[in-house]
Amino acid sequence: MTMTREEQIQQIRDCGQTITEKAESIYGDYACPTNLQVVITMKANELPNITVNREFFSDIMMERNGGHIKQASLNRL
């Protein structure tokens, strides 16, 4: 299936719209998010793929440490 430039541009727009519509669930409800990555992968003659990668500190760890992040953990960021 060969796609035209216009079709591929529309696919990017469609992915963007999907990301916008699902922004709340993509962000999630984590107590302490540290990193969020949203990637649209387009391969020749294939439908695009949206990948979401999230990193976050454990809320249990945060509670155990009185809501404080130790300096060693911050250095990772």
C-alpha atoms as a PDB file:
ATOM      1  CA  MET A   1       0.000   0.000   0.000  1.00  0.00           C
ATOM      2  CA  THR A   2       1.768   3.132  -1.224  1.00  0.00           C
ATOM      3  CA  MET A   3       0.614   6.369   0.378  1.00  0.00           C
ATOM      4  CA  THR A   4       0.848   9.833  -1.064  1.00  0.00           C
ATOM      5  CA  ARG A   5       2.486  12.728   0.751  1.00  0.00           C
ATOM      6  CA  GLU A   6      -0.964  14.156   1.493  1.00  0.00           C
ATOM      7  CA  GLU A   7      -2.147  10.852   2.991  1.00  0.00           C
ATOM      8  CA  GLN A   8       0.915  10.664   5.229  1.00  0.00           C
ATOM      9  CA  ILE A   9       0.425  14.263   6.375  1.00  0.00           C
ATOM     10  CA  GLN A  10      -3.198  13.447   7.193  1.00  0.00           C
ATOM     11  CA  GLN A  11      -2.031  10.441   9.213  1.00  0.00           C
ATOM     12  CA  ILE A  12       0.190  12.743  11.297  1.00  0.00           C
ATOM     13  CA  ARG A  13      -2.771  15.084  11.839  1.00  0.00           C
ATOM     14  CA  ASP A  14      -4.960  12.135  12.824  1.00  0.00           C
ATOM     15  CA  CYS A  15      -2.345  10.924  15.327  1.00  0.00           C
ATOM     16  CA  GLY A  16      -2.095  14.431  16.752  1.00  0.00           C
ATOM     17  CA  GLN A  17      -5.850  14.587  17.174  1.00  0.00           C
ATOM     18  CA  THR A  18      -5.865  11.205  18.924  1.00  0.00           C
ATOM     19  CA  ILE A  19      -3.080  12.366  21.266  1.00  0.00           C
ATOM     20  CA  THR A  20      -5.008  15.576  22.005  1.00  0.00           C
ATOM     21  CA  GLU A  21      -8.244  13.710  22.698  1.00  0.00           C
ATOM     22  CA  LYS A  22      -6.512  11.201  24.983  1.00  0.00           C
ATOM     23  CA  ALA A  23      -4.135  13.676  26.681  1.00  0.00           C
ATOM     24  CA  GLU A  24      -5.578  13.135  30.162  1.00  0.00           C
ATOM     25  CA  SER A  25      -5.219   9.359  30.037  1.00  0.00           C
ATOM     26  CA  ILE A  26      -1.794   9.638  28.387  1.00  0.00           C
ATOM     27  CA  TYR A  27      -0.573  11.860  31.236  1.00  0.00           C
ATOM     28  CA  GLY A  28      -2.075   9.481  33.782  1.00  0.00           C
ATOM     29  CA  ASP A  29      -2.779  10.008  37.453  1.00  0.00           C
ATOM     30  CA  TYR A  30       0.649   9.292  38.892  1.00  0.00           C
ATOM     31  CA  ALA A  31       1.589  11.045  42.139  1.00  0.00           C
ATOM     32  CA  CYS A  32       5.065  11.988  40.963  1.00  0.00           C
ATOM     33  CA  PRO A  33       5.646  11.734  37.193  1.00  0.00           C
ATOM     34  CA  THR A  34       9.254  12.268  36.136  1.00  0.00           C
ATOM     35  CA  ASN A  35       9.267  11.728  32.377  1.00  0.00           C
ATOM     36  CA  LEU A  36       6.671  11.451  29.616  1.00  0.00           C
ATOM     37  CA  GLN A  37       7.445  10.627  26.008  1.00  0.00           C
ATOM     38  CA  VAL A  38       4.903  10.409  23.180  1.00  0.00           C
ATOM     39  CA  VAL A  39       6.262   9.146  19.860  1.00  0.00           C
ATOM     40  CA  ILE A  40       4.603   8.755  16.474  1.00  0.00           C
ATOM     41  CA  THR A  41       6.443   6.158  14.389  1.00  0.00           C
ATOM     42  CA  MET A  42       5.818   6.160  10.666  1.00  0.00           C
ATOM     43  CA  LYS A  43       7.234   3.361   8.550  1.00  0.00           C
ATOM     44  CA  ALA A  44       7.065   3.329   4.794  1.00  0.00           C
ATOM     45  CA  ASN A  45       3.694   2.109   3.578  1.00  0.00           C
ATOM     46  CA  GLU A  46       2.407   1.197   7.040  1.00  0.00           C
ATOM     47  CA  LEU A  47      -0.074   2.845   9.350  1.00  0.00           C
ATOM     48  CA  PRO A  48       1.601   5.029  12.010  1.00  0.00           C
ATOM     49  CA  ASN A  49       2.025   3.820  15.560  1.00  0.00           C
ATOM     50  CA  ILE A  50       1.702   5.971  18.709  1.00  0.00           C
ATOM     51  CA  THR A  51       3.898   4.922  21.623  1.00  0.00           C
ATOM     52  CA  VAL A  52       3.660   6.355  25.144  1.00  0.00           C
ATOM     53  CA  ASN A  53       6.481   5.899  27.649  1.00  0.00           C
ATOM     54  CA  ARG A  54       6.035   7.073  31.247  1.00  0.00           C
ATOM     55  CA  GLU A  55       8.390   7.179  34.179  1.00  0.00           C
ATOM     56  CA  PHE A  56       7.322   8.012  37.698  1.00  0.00           C
ATOM     57  CA  PHE A  57       8.382   7.665  41.299  1.00  0.00           C
ATOM     58  CA  SER A  58       6.493   5.190  43.443  1.00  0.00           C
ATOM     59  CA  ASP A  59       3.848   6.933  45.543  1.00  0.00           C
ATOM     60  CA  ILE A  60       4.563   4.398  48.297  1.00  0.00           C
ATOM     61  CA  MET A  61       8.230   5.421  48.272  1.00  0.00           C
ATOM     62  CA  MET A  62       7.202   9.081  48.358  1.00  0.00           C
ATOM     63  CA  GLU A  63       4.966   8.484  51.383  1.00  0.00           C
ATOM     64  CA  ARG A  64       7.696   6.498  53.139  1.00  0.00           C
ATOM     65  CA  ASN A  65      10.139   9.387  52.613  1.00  0.00           C
ATOM     66  CA  GLY A  66       7.692  12.001  53.865  1.00  0.00           C
ATOM     67  CA  GLY A  67       7.028  13.313  50.349  1.00  0.00           C
ATOM     68  CA  HIS A  68      10.697  14.117  49.778  1.00  0.00           C
ATOM     69  CA  ILE A  69      12.806  12.868  46.909  1.00  0.00           C
ATOM     70  CA  LYS A  70      16.358  12.054  47.921  1.00  0.00           C
ATOM     71  CA  GLN A  71      19.122  13.961  46.113  1.00  0.00           C
ATOM     72  CA  ALA A  72      20.462  10.769  44.502  1.00  0.00           C
ATOM     73  CA  SER A  73      17.106  10.276  42.815  1.00  0.00           C
ATOM     74  CA  LEU A  74      17.033  13.883  41.613  1.00  0.00           C
ATOM     75  CA  ASN A  75      20.446  13.471  40.009  1.00  0.00           C
ATOM     76  CA  ARG A  76      18.895  10.889  37.673  1.00  0.00           C
ATOM     77  CA  LEU A  77      16.549  13.523  36.312  1.00  0.00           C
END
